[in-house]
């Protein structure tokens, strides 16, 4: 089968492209290689897969309407896994237009490409950030998500609404996956695992927001990729009998799932896991909650488990040991 994987130089997209190639699929990977964080890390990720005979890389911006339209019409993808986005909650406060270009305009070019070229299934990245002000735990896809607290979250909610419209109007099967705090080797430098590990190993203090009173449903990269690869094979069908009582499904061929570890970890326990893996104690700077942040995330993943028979289960001690080991090797090679 022929896939387009966007964000192929990104943390999740890179591993997804690798897995699909290993399964014998033909994969075109797309990325704009922007400088939101060090492009050298993105290039290093690409080197892991560029030798694969069934992988091709194309550098392109999602917001390039003509370029994207030509790509879809010439390549005739059967399935699309859309993982490229402008990420980061705090960055969206300072650079809002980057999110409109990538996450709104860019998503529209993906939807249009899929619509006009009869793509069988579009799987796209949403985010746990859509839960915003919700305080009912665990977060469920049956709950309304109408109160985002960052522009990033608002763009991801918008993606779900846009996808539903295309599913309804054009019978385009779409599945949105709300990722919960993904971590592991080759992870992003703007996220806590990388920031904390880098600081601890280099004797710098770490910023501990909300004075450490936070919880996150940390989800290991291999579990995220397993969920993506399984769900892309479960194509939503139109269902006229669906009562539309849940935001996660519809009469249209449309689904939304959480994908998280279903086990929220206290921030201080997470820091302890890094300290153990690094063999050093962190110097901590306790700070107030930051704008756009939420105190806790916790994924209800029953619907995902029922659909694909898989439940993420990697524990934080193992996951962070894998990350710290990778980080040491990566930094030595820089």
Protein backbone atom coordinates (compact mmCIF):
# COMPACT_ATOMS: atom_id res chain seq x y z
CA UNK A 1 0.00 0.00 0.00
CA UNK A 2 1.18 3.54 -0.70
CA UNK A 3 1.30 5.98 2.24
CA UNK A 4 1.97 9.65 2.72
CA UNK A 5 3.44 10.34 6.16
CA UNK A 6 3.72 14.03 6.96
CA UNK A 7 6.17 15.14 9.63
CA UNK A 8 8.52 12.36 8.53
CA UNK A 9 11.50 14.13 10.12
CA UNK A 10 9.53 14.68 13.30
CA UNK A 11 9.56 12.60 16.45
CA UNK A 12 6.48 10.44 15.82
CA UNK A 13 6.30 10.60 12.03
CA UNK A 14 9.84 9.31 11.63
CA UNK A 15 9.15 6.12 13.58
CA UNK A 16 5.78 5.61 11.88
CA UNK A 17 7.43 5.87 8.45
CA UNK A 18 10.07 3.36 9.54
CA UNK A 19 7.45 0.89 10.81
CA UNK A 20 5.37 1.10 7.64
CA UNK A 21 8.45 0.52 5.48
CA UNK A 22 9.36 -2.49 7.61
CA UNK A 23 5.88 -3.86 6.92
CA UNK A 24 6.53 -3.62 3.18
CA UNK A 25 4.52 -0.50 2.34
CA UNK A 26 5.71 2.26 0.04
CA UNK A 27 6.11 5.48 2.01
CA UNK A 28 6.55 9.07 0.87
CA UNK A 29 7.70 11.18 3.79
CA UNK A 30 7.05 14.92 3.82
CA UNK A 31 8.52 17.59 6.08
CA UNK A 32 9.44 21.27 5.78
CA UNK A 33 12.43 20.89 8.14
CA UNK A 34 11.66 24.19 9.86
CA UNK A 35 13.78 25.60 12.68
CA UNK A 36 11.20 25.47 15.51
CA UNK A 37 13.87 23.29 17.06
CA UNK A 38 17.32 22.18 15.87
CA UNK A 39 16.97 20.98 12.24
CA UNK A 40 20.05 18.80 12.76
CA UNK A 41 17.98 16.49 14.95
CA UNK A 42 15.39 16.23 12.18
CA UNK A 43 18.10 15.47 9.62
CA UNK A 44 19.58 12.84 11.94
CA UNK A 45 16.17 11.17 12.19
CA UNK A 46 15.88 11.12 8.41
CA UNK A 47 19.26 9.39 8.13
CA UNK A 48 17.74 6.47 10.04
CA UNK A 49 15.29 5.74 7.22
CA UNK A 50 16.59 7.37 4.03
CA UNK A 51 18.41 4.17 3.01
CA UNK A 52 15.18 2.16 2.89
CA UNK A 53 14.29 1.21 -0.69
CA UNK A 54 10.58 1.82 -0.17
CA UNK A 55 10.98 5.29 1.38
CA UNK A 56 11.24 8.65 -0.40
CA UNK A 57 11.56 12.05 1.24
CA UNK A 58 10.07 15.27 -0.09
CA UNK A 59 10.77 18.65 1.48
CA UNK A 60 7.65 20.77 1.27
CA UNK A 61 5.54 23.10 3.40
CA UNK A 62 1.98 22.02 4.07
CA UNK A 63 0.76 25.54 3.37
CA UNK A 64 2.08 25.33 -0.23
CA UNK A 65 -1.34 24.84 -1.81
CA UNK A 66 -0.18 24.19 -5.38
CA UNK A 67 2.70 22.00 -4.29
CA UNK A 68 0.48 19.86 -2.08
CA UNK A 69 -2.21 19.55 -4.74
CA UNK A 70 0.38 18.43 -7.30
CA UNK A 71 1.90 15.97 -4.83
CA UNK A 72 -1.43 14.27 -4.21
CA UNK A 73 -2.43 14.16 -7.87
CA UNK A 74 0.89 12.71 -9.02
CA UNK A 75 1.47 10.20 -6.21
CA UNK A 76 -2.08 8.80 -5.76
CA UNK A 77 -1.66 7.86 -2.10
CA UNK A 78 -3.93 5.14 -0.76
CA UNK A 79 -3.65 6.22 2.88
CA UNK A 80 -2.39 9.34 4.62
CA UNK A 81 -0.97 9.63 8.14
CA UNK A 82 -0.79 13.32 8.92
CA UNK A 83 1.58 14.01 11.82
CA UNK A 84 3.14 17.32 10.73
CA UNK A 85 2.06 20.34 12.75
CA UNK A 86 3.34 23.39 14.53
CA UNK A 87 3.63 21.98 18.02
CA UNK A 88 4.08 23.56 21.43
CA UNK A 89 1.61 25.17 23.80
CA UNK A 90 3.75 28.04 25.08
CA UNK A 91 5.19 28.84 21.62
CA UNK A 92 1.66 29.47 20.35
CA UNK A 93 1.30 32.42 22.71
CA UNK A 94 4.24 34.21 21.07
CA UNK A 95 3.89 32.98 17.48
CA UNK A 96 0.18 32.52 16.74
CA UNK A 97 0.34 32.85 12.96
CA UNK A 98 2.71 29.89 12.66
CA UNK A 99 -0.13 27.74 14.01
CA UNK A 100 -2.67 29.13 11.57
CA UNK A 101 -0.37 28.47 8.60
CA UNK A 102 0.63 24.95 9.60
CA UNK A 103 -2.30 23.60 11.59
CA UNK A 104 -5.25 25.23 9.80
CA UNK A 105 -4.13 26.05 6.25
CA UNK A 106 -1.83 23.01 6.21
CA UNK A 107 -4.60 20.70 7.38
CA UNK A 108 -6.92 22.09 4.71
CA UNK A 109 -4.40 21.17 1.97
CA UNK A 110 -4.27 17.64 3.38
CA UNK A 111 -8.07 17.35 3.41
CA UNK A 112 -8.35 18.72 -0.12
CA UNK A 113 -5.65 16.35 -1.37
CA UNK A 114 -7.42 13.39 0.18
CA UNK A 115 -10.81 14.47 -1.14
CA UNK A 116 -9.78 14.96 -4.75
CA UNK A 117 -7.64 11.83 -4.96
CA UNK A 118 -9.90 9.27 -3.28
CA UNK A 119 -7.64 8.52 -0.32
CA UNK A 120 -8.98 5.47 1.53
CA UNK A 121 -8.24 6.68 5.07
CA UNK A 122 -6.80 9.82 6.66
CA UNK A 123 -5.32 9.36 10.14
CA UNK A 124 -4.27 12.64 11.76
CA UNK A 125 -2.73 13.83 14.99
CA UNK A 126 -4.97 15.65 17.41
CA UNK A 127 -3.87 16.29 21.00
CA UNK A 128 -4.81 15.87 24.63
CA UNK A 129 -4.56 19.67 24.74
CA UNK A 130 -8.10 19.84 23.31
CA UNK A 131 -9.45 18.94 26.77
CA UNK A 132 -8.47 22.42 27.96
CA UNK A 133 -10.44 23.41 31.04
CA UNK A 134 -12.06 19.98 31.43
CA UNK A 135 -11.48 18.66 34.95
CA UNK A 136 -13.40 15.36 34.80
CA UNK A 137 -10.84 12.54 34.87
CA UNK A 138 -9.95 10.48 32.97
CA UNK A 139 -10.40 12.55 29.82
CA UNK A 140 -12.93 10.80 27.60
CA UNK A 141 -13.66 11.24 23.90
CA UNK A 142 -17.34 11.17 24.90
CA UNK A 143 -16.90 14.51 26.68
CA UNK A 144 -17.28 17.92 25.04
CA UNK A 145 -14.03 19.81 24.43
CA UNK A 146 -15.18 23.38 24.00
CA UNK A 147 -12.85 25.33 26.28
CA UNK A 148 -9.24 25.25 24.99
CA UNK A 149 -6.60 27.19 26.92
CA UNK A 150 -4.07 27.64 24.11
CA UNK A 151 -4.19 28.46 20.41
CA UNK A 152 -2.40 25.17 19.74
CA UNK A 153 -5.31 23.31 21.38
CA UNK A 154 -7.83 25.39 19.46
CA UNK A 155 -6.19 24.49 16.14
CA UNK A 156 -6.27 20.79 17.02
CA UNK A 157 -9.97 20.98 17.90
CA UNK A 158 -10.47 22.80 14.61
CA UNK A 159 -8.79 19.90 12.81
CA UNK A 160 -11.32 17.48 14.28
CA UNK A 161 -14.21 19.70 13.13
CA UNK A 162 -12.71 20.12 9.66
CA UNK A 163 -12.15 16.37 9.36
CA UNK A 164 -15.76 15.66 10.30
CA UNK A 165 -16.99 18.06 7.64
CA UNK A 166 -14.99 16.28 4.94
CA UNK A 167 -16.08 12.87 6.24
CA UNK A 168 -19.71 14.00 6.02
CA UNK A 169 -19.62 15.86 2.72
CA UNK A 170 -17.19 13.73 0.72
CA UNK A 171 -17.25 10.30 2.42
CA UNK A 172 -13.58 10.68 3.36
CA UNK A 173 -12.86 8.26 6.24
CA UNK A 174 -10.95 10.14 8.95
CA UNK A 175 -9.55 9.12 12.33
CA UNK A 176 -8.15 11.64 14.80
CA UNK A 177 -5.77 10.52 17.54
CA UNK A 178 -5.46 12.64 20.67
CA UNK A 179 -1.87 12.01 21.75
CA UNK A 180 -0.97 12.28 25.43
CA UNK A 181 2.58 13.51 26.31
CA UNK A 182 4.73 11.37 24.00
CA UNK A 183 8.33 10.67 25.02
CA UNK A 184 11.22 8.36 24.17
CA UNK A 185 14.43 8.21 22.12
CA UNK A 186 14.69 10.84 19.35
CA UNK A 187 12.19 13.02 21.23
CA UNK A 188 11.67 16.75 20.81
CA UNK A 189 14.12 19.18 22.49
CA UNK A 190 11.28 21.49 23.59
CA UNK A 191 9.61 18.85 25.77
CA UNK A 192 10.23 18.06 29.44
CA UNK A 193 12.08 14.71 29.02
CA UNK A 194 14.71 16.33 26.79
CA UNK A 195 14.87 19.64 28.67
CA UNK A 196 15.18 17.97 32.07
CA UNK A 197 17.70 15.35 30.97
CA UNK A 198 19.85 17.97 29.25
CA UNK A 199 19.79 20.21 32.33
CA UNK A 200 20.47 17.44 34.85
CA UNK A 201 23.40 15.97 32.93
CA UNK A 202 24.89 19.45 32.47
CA UNK A 203 24.42 20.61 36.08
CA UNK A 204 21.77 23.22 35.29
CA UNK A 205 18.58 23.70 37.23
CA UNK A 206 15.25 22.54 35.85
CA UNK A 207 12.08 24.63 35.87
CA UNK A 208 9.37 22.79 37.83
CA UNK A 209 6.06 24.45 37.01
CA UNK A 210 3.07 24.70 39.35
CA UNK A 211 5.58 23.94 42.12
CA UNK A 212 5.63 20.29 41.00
CA UNK A 213 1.91 19.76 41.50
CA UNK A 214 1.21 18.41 38.04
CA UNK A 215 0.42 15.03 36.48
CA UNK A 216 0.93 13.81 32.93
CA UNK A 217 -0.12 10.65 31.12
CA UNK A 218 3.37 10.03 29.70
CA UNK A 219 3.13 7.68 26.71
CA UNK A 220 6.16 5.90 25.23
CA UNK A 221 6.90 6.39 21.54
CA UNK A 222 6.69 2.68 20.65
CA UNK A 223 3.19 2.49 22.14
CA UNK A 224 2.06 5.56 20.20
CA UNK A 225 3.40 4.14 16.93
CA UNK A 226 1.79 0.76 17.58
CA UNK A 227 -1.55 2.48 18.07
CA UNK A 228 -1.18 4.53 14.88
CA UNK A 229 -0.16 1.58 12.73
CA UNK A 230 -3.05 -0.51 14.03
CA UNK A 231 -5.70 2.19 13.71
CA UNK A 232 -4.79 3.10 10.13
CA UNK A 233 -6.03 -0.38 9.20
CA UNK A 234 -9.44 0.22 10.82
CA UNK A 235 -11.25 2.41 8.31
CA UNK A 236 -14.35 4.20 9.68
CA UNK A 237 -17.60 3.45 7.86
CA UNK A 238 -20.68 5.59 7.35
CA UNK A 239 -23.34 4.59 9.89
CA UNK A 240 -26.83 6.09 9.40
CA UNK A 241 -27.93 4.48 12.69
CA UNK A 242 -25.37 6.35 14.80
CA UNK A 243 -27.33 8.59 17.22
CA UNK A 244 -24.49 11.19 17.30
CA UNK A 245 -24.55 11.32 21.10
CA UNK A 246 -20.74 11.21 21.37
CA UNK A 247 -18.29 13.71 19.84
CA UNK A 248 -15.98 10.77 19.05
CA UNK A 249 -18.09 9.23 16.28
CA UNK A 250 -20.81 10.16 13.81
CA UNK A 251 -23.15 9.04 11.07
CA UNK A 252 -20.23 10.06 8.85
CA UNK A 253 -17.11 7.85 8.46
CA UNK A 254 -15.36 9.64 11.32
CA UNK A 255 -13.70 8.59 14.58
CA UNK A 256 -11.64 10.21 17.34
CA UNK A 257 -9.61 8.24 19.89
CA UNK A 258 -7.40 8.99 22.88
CA UNK A 259 -4.02 7.32 22.84
CA UNK A 260 -2.24 7.54 26.18
CA UNK A 261 -0.75 5.33 28.85
CA UNK A 262 -3.92 5.44 30.99
CA UNK A 263 -1.67 6.01 34.02
CA UNK A 264 -0.98 9.63 35.02
CA UNK A 265 2.42 10.17 36.62
CA UNK A 266 3.12 12.91 39.16
CA UNK A 267 5.68 15.39 37.85
CA UNK A 268 7.98 14.76 40.82
CA UNK A 269 7.88 10.99 40.15
CA UNK A 270 8.75 11.69 36.53
CA UNK A 271 11.73 13.78 37.64
CA UNK A 272 12.83 10.99 39.97
CA UNK A 273 12.77 8.55 37.02
CA UNK A 274 15.10 10.86 35.09
CA UNK A 275 17.39 11.30 38.09
CA UNK A 276 17.66 7.53 38.50
CA UNK A 277 18.35 6.99 34.79
CA UNK A 278 20.92 9.81 34.74
CA UNK A 279 22.50 8.89 38.05
CA UNK A 280 22.30 12.52 39.20
CA UNK A 281 19.95 14.61 41.30
CA UNK A 282 18.21 17.55 39.67
CA UNK A 283 18.62 21.15 40.79
CA UNK A 284 15.01 22.31 40.95
CA UNK A 285 13.58 25.79 40.47
CA UNK A 286 9.94 25.70 41.56
CA UNK A 287 7.77 28.07 39.54
CA UNK A 288 4.07 28.94 39.15
CA UNK A 289 1.81 27.48 36.48
CA UNK A 290 2.52 28.81 33.00
CA UNK A 291 -0.09 30.37 30.71
CA UNK A 292 -1.75 27.80 28.46
CA UNK A 293 -0.81 24.85 30.67
CA UNK A 294 -3.09 22.42 32.52
CA UNK A 295 -2.46 20.73 35.89
CA UNK A 296 -3.18 17.14 34.82
CA UNK A 297 -3.87 14.83 31.88
CA UNK A 298 -5.27 11.29 32.04
CA UNK A 299 -6.49 9.31 29.02
CA UNK A 300 -9.53 7.06 28.93
CA UNK A 301 -8.45 4.60 26.21
CA UNK A 302 -11.24 2.03 26.40
CA UNK A 303 -12.53 2.82 22.90
CA UNK A 304 -9.05 2.48 21.36
CA UNK A 305 -8.46 -0.80 23.16
CA UNK A 306 -11.83 -2.14 22.01
CA UNK A 307 -11.13 -1.10 18.42
CA UNK A 308 -7.59 -2.44 17.95
CA UNK A 309 -6.95 -4.75 20.93
CA UNK A 310 -3.97 -2.76 22.16
CA UNK A 311 -3.26 -0.81 25.34
CA UNK A 312 -0.08 1.23 25.93
CA UNK A 313 1.71 -0.11 28.98
CA UNK A 314 5.36 1.03 29.04
CA UNK A 315 6.33 2.15 32.54
CA UNK A 316 8.08 5.46 33.10
CA UNK A 317 11.25 3.97 34.63
CA UNK A 318 11.94 1.84 31.56
CA UNK A 319 10.94 4.59 29.13
CA UNK A 320 13.13 7.25 30.69
CA UNK A 321 16.11 4.89 30.91
CA UNK A 322 15.76 4.31 27.17
CA UNK A 323 15.59 8.06 26.58
CA UNK A 324 18.57 8.97 28.75
CA UNK A 325 20.68 6.21 27.17
CA UNK A 326 19.80 7.53 23.70
CA UNK A 327 20.45 11.13 24.73
CA UNK A 328 23.99 10.34 25.93
CA UNK A 329 24.86 8.60 22.66
CA UNK A 330 23.28 11.31 20.51
CA UNK A 331 25.15 14.11 22.28
CA UNK A 332 28.45 12.26 21.98
CA UNK A 333 27.97 12.07 18.20
CA UNK A 334 27.05 15.73 17.73
